[in-house]
Amino acid sequence: MSTERYITSSCVISKGIVTKNGQPVFEGGALEPSDFLISAYRHFGLQYPRFYKMDNIGKLGWLANEVLLQDGFDKEKYPAKEVGIVLSNASSSLDTDIKYYETVKTIPSPALFVYTLPNIVIGEISIRYGFKGENAFFIFDDFNAGFIEQYVSGLVNNNILQACICGWVEWLEGNYKAALFLVEKDKTKDSVTFTMENLTKIYQLQNG
């Protein structure tokens, strides 16, 4: 049975800019990508020591999710098993894989090894909020809005999930982009219908 689904919040991070629901909320100027993440973290007044231990893709996805859920998401509204996370990117965990491979030549780094799976970013978000719902990480050449819309809609329509964080988190050698969407059944004041067209439109706000 089909049900209505809405994008109730969105966050895009790319080219030194953090956007929330289509509006810039932080600009990092000419900072190096890794420094930009730390600067944004501090700008939003976040306090989470694990952040500094994460690899770059973990920091990017975690930060995007923090902005996505700020000022509007009620964690207590849903059971933990009914909030899911469905993410995707093009390079998996290759950025960290390369760094880990370099350490293998001398002493392998356990701190890097634990991040040599792309779904670790899902784990970091889940630990932060206690989410225990369906989760998956897919690899595509480009952001596949049609697949995300179809896959997440199936989870919601079949009452496997009541809410889902979905989208794109990509980081490779300093080239990065995150585009996250909060999908819920209840319509809010600024929400838009959860469609492939709206996903694509929001994603393309900051091409790169």
Protein backbone atom coordinates (compact mmCIF):
# COMPACT_ATOMS: atom_id res chain seq x y z
CA MET A 1 0.00 0.00 0.00
CA SER A 2 1.44 3.34 -1.04
CA THR A 3 1.59 6.22 1.41
CA GLU A 4 2.61 9.87 1.19
CA ARG A 5 6.27 10.59 1.84
CA TYR A 6 7.92 13.96 2.35
CA ILE A 7 11.41 15.43 2.49
CA THR A 8 11.09 17.31 5.76
CA SER A 9 14.73 18.43 5.93
CA SER A 10 17.79 18.49 3.67
CA CYS A 11 21.47 19.30 4.01
CA VAL A 12 24.04 19.72 1.26
CA ILE A 13 27.76 20.17 1.94
CA SER A 14 30.03 20.97 -1.00
CA LYS A 15 32.62 23.51 -2.14
CA GLY A 16 33.12 24.93 1.34
CA ILE A 17 29.42 25.64 1.90
CA VAL A 18 26.88 24.00 4.22
CA THR A 19 23.28 24.40 3.10
CA LYS A 20 20.19 23.56 5.19
CA ASN A 21 16.83 23.38 3.40
CA GLY A 22 18.21 25.35 0.47
CA GLN A 23 19.75 28.15 2.56
CA PRO A 24 23.49 28.58 3.26
CA VAL A 25 24.16 28.25 6.99
CA PHE A 26 27.97 28.17 6.96
CA GLU A 27 30.72 29.10 4.50
CA GLY A 28 34.31 28.03 5.05
CA GLY A 29 36.00 30.26 2.53
CA ALA A 30 39.26 28.89 1.12
CA LEU A 31 39.93 26.38 3.91
CA GLU A 32 41.40 23.01 3.03
CA PRO A 33 38.65 20.35 2.95
CA SER A 34 39.64 18.62 6.21
CA ASP A 35 40.02 21.99 7.97
CA PHE A 36 36.65 23.07 6.60
CA LEU A 37 34.96 20.11 8.33
CA ILE A 38 36.48 20.98 11.68
CA SER A 39 35.62 24.66 11.24
CA ALA A 40 31.99 23.78 10.44
CA TYR A 41 31.85 21.41 13.43
CA ARG A 42 32.94 24.23 15.72
CA HIS A 43 30.66 26.76 14.06
CA PHE A 44 27.59 24.70 14.91
CA GLY A 45 28.74 24.32 18.50
CA LEU A 46 28.82 20.54 18.36
CA GLN A 47 30.30 18.57 21.26
CA TYR A 48 31.13 15.00 20.30
CA PRO A 49 34.69 13.76 20.96
CA ARG A 50 34.31 10.79 18.57
CA PHE A 51 34.20 13.27 15.69
CA TYR A 52 37.95 13.83 15.81
CA LYS A 53 38.64 10.09 15.54
CA MET A 54 36.59 9.61 12.38
CA ASP A 55 38.01 9.48 8.87
CA ASN A 56 37.05 12.28 6.46
CA ILE A 57 34.01 10.59 4.97
CA GLY A 58 32.81 9.76 8.46
CA LYS A 59 33.20 13.38 9.54
CA LEU A 60 31.43 14.60 6.40
CA GLY A 61 28.43 12.28 6.74
CA TRP A 62 28.16 12.77 10.49
CA LEU A 63 28.31 16.56 10.17
CA ALA A 64 25.73 16.61 7.38
CA ASN A 65 23.42 14.51 9.52
CA GLU A 66 23.82 16.84 12.51
CA VAL A 67 22.79 19.81 10.41
CA LEU A 68 19.99 17.79 8.80
CA LEU A 69 18.40 16.89 12.15
CA GLN A 70 18.96 20.18 13.97
CA ASP A 71 15.95 22.29 14.87
CA GLY A 72 13.06 20.09 13.86
CA PHE A 73 13.67 16.37 14.25
CA ASP A 74 12.09 14.77 17.32
CA LYS A 75 14.08 11.64 18.11
CA GLU A 76 11.46 10.50 20.61
CA LYS A 77 8.74 10.48 17.93
CA TYR A 78 9.85 7.12 16.51
CA PRO A 79 11.05 3.80 17.96
CA ALA A 80 14.77 3.32 17.26
CA LYS A 81 14.04 0.37 14.95
CA GLU A 82 11.79 2.51 12.74
CA VAL A 83 14.42 5.08 11.75
CA GLY A 84 16.72 3.88 8.96
CA ILE A 85 19.70 5.13 6.98
CA VAL A 86 20.27 4.55 3.25
CA LEU A 87 23.41 6.14 1.80
CA SER A 88 25.42 5.94 -1.40
CA ASN A 89 28.57 7.23 -3.07
CA ALA A 90 30.93 6.53 -5.96
CA SER A 91 34.23 5.60 -4.31
CA SER A 92 33.19 3.52 -1.29
CA SER A 93 35.89 3.96 1.40
CA LEU A 94 38.73 4.31 -1.12
CA ASP A 95 40.09 7.52 0.41
CA THR A 96 40.74 5.73 3.70
CA ASP A 97 41.76 2.50 1.96
CA ILE A 98 44.61 4.37 0.26
CA LYS A 99 45.76 5.91 3.55
CA TYR A 100 45.59 2.53 5.28
CA TYR A 101 47.58 0.85 2.50
CA GLU A 102 50.36 3.38 2.97
CA THR A 103 50.64 2.41 6.66
CA VAL A 104 50.90 -1.28 5.76
CA LYS A 105 54.36 -0.57 4.34
CA THR A 106 55.56 0.10 7.89
CA ILE A 107 53.12 -0.50 10.75
CA PRO A 108 49.42 -1.04 9.81
CA SER A 109 47.15 1.50 11.49
CA PRO A 110 44.20 -0.04 13.39
CA ALA A 111 42.70 3.45 13.67
CA LEU A 112 42.46 3.64 9.87
CA PHE A 113 41.56 -0.01 9.33
CA VAL A 114 38.25 0.32 11.20
CA TYR A 115 37.14 2.88 8.57
CA THR A 116 37.87 0.74 5.51
CA LEU A 117 34.17 0.07 4.90
CA PRO A 118 31.82 2.75 3.55
CA ASN A 119 28.97 1.84 5.89
CA ILE A 120 31.03 2.92 8.91
CA VAL A 121 29.56 6.40 8.41
CA ILE A 122 26.11 4.83 8.96
CA GLY A 123 27.47 3.29 12.14
CA GLU A 124 28.73 6.64 13.40
CA ILE A 125 25.33 8.27 12.83
CA SER A 126 23.54 5.32 14.43
CA ILE A 127 25.78 5.44 17.52
CA ARG A 128 25.13 9.16 17.88
CA TYR A 129 21.35 8.84 17.82
CA GLY A 130 20.73 5.21 18.75
CA PHE A 131 19.04 4.43 15.43
CA LYS A 132 18.51 0.71 14.88
CA GLY A 133 16.42 0.57 11.71
CA GLU A 134 17.13 -0.83 8.26
CA ASN A 135 20.35 0.51 6.76
CA ALA A 136 22.30 0.06 3.56
CA PHE A 137 25.14 1.66 1.62
CA PHE A 138 25.15 1.50 -2.19
CA ILE A 139 27.84 2.34 -4.75
CA PHE A 140 26.91 4.21 -7.95
CA ASP A 141 28.90 6.22 -10.47
CA ASP A 142 26.70 9.24 -9.72
CA PHE A 143 23.89 10.21 -7.38
CA ASN A 144 21.02 7.88 -8.33
CA ALA A 145 17.91 9.74 -7.19
CA GLY A 146 15.57 7.25 -8.86
CA PHE A 147 17.01 4.30 -6.97
CA ILE A 148 17.02 6.13 -3.64
CA GLU A 149 13.40 7.20 -4.10
CA GLN A 150 12.30 3.68 -5.02
CA TYR A 151 14.27 1.89 -2.31
CA VAL A 152 13.31 4.20 0.56
CA SER A 153 9.66 4.35 -0.58
CA GLY A 154 9.53 0.56 -0.40
CA LEU A 155 10.78 0.59 3.18
CA VAL A 156 8.27 3.25 4.21
CA ASN A 157 5.29 1.85 2.29
CA ASN A 158 5.81 -1.56 3.89
CA ASN A 159 6.04 -0.02 7.36
CA ILE A 160 9.58 -1.27 7.83
CA LEU A 161 10.54 2.35 8.53
CA GLN A 162 8.62 5.41 9.64
CA ALA A 163 11.50 7.79 8.90
CA CYS A 164 14.67 7.49 6.83
CA ILE A 165 17.87 9.47 6.42
CA CYS A 166 19.06 8.96 2.87
CA GLY A 167 21.32 10.43 0.21
CA TRP A 168 24.95 10.76 -0.90
CA VAL A 169 28.23 11.02 1.03
CA GLU A 170 31.35 11.11 -1.12
CA TRP A 171 34.97 11.93 -0.24
CA LEU A 172 38.04 11.08 -2.28
CA GLU A 173 41.37 12.87 -1.99
CA GLY A 174 39.82 16.16 -0.93
CA ASN A 175 36.94 16.10 -3.42
CA TYR A 176 33.73 15.83 -1.47
CA LYS A 177 29.99 16.22 -1.42
CA ALA A 178 27.24 15.26 0.98
CA ALA A 179 23.53 15.55 0.25
CA LEU A 180 21.27 14.12 2.95
CA PHE A 181 17.50 14.03 3.13
CA LEU A 182 15.16 13.28 6.01
CA VAL A 183 12.11 11.42 4.76
CA GLU A 184 8.97 11.16 6.89
CA LYS A 185 5.28 10.37 6.42
CA ASP A 186 4.01 13.55 8.07
CA LYS A 187 3.97 16.75 6.08
CA THR A 188 5.55 19.83 7.65
CA LYS A 189 5.41 23.52 6.83
CA ASP A 190 8.49 23.54 4.59
CA SER A 191 8.46 19.94 3.36
CA VAL A 192 8.34 18.85 -0.26
CA THR A 193 7.10 15.59 -1.72
CA PHE A 194 9.68 12.80 -1.75
CA THR A 195 10.25 12.33 -5.47
CA MET A 196 13.19 11.70 -7.77
CA GLU A 197 12.76 15.19 -9.21
CA ASN A 198 12.92 16.91 -5.81
CA LEU A 199 15.89 14.81 -4.70
CA THR A 200 17.76 15.78 -7.87
CA LYS A 201 16.83 19.45 -7.57
CA ILE A 202 18.13 19.70 -4.01
CA TYR A 203 21.27 17.69 -4.78
CA GLN A 204 22.14 20.01 -7.66
CA LEU A 205 21.95 23.18 -5.52
CA GLN A 206 25.71 22.88 -5.08
CA ASN A 207 27.15 21.01 -8.04
CA GLY A 208 30.57 19.59 -7.48
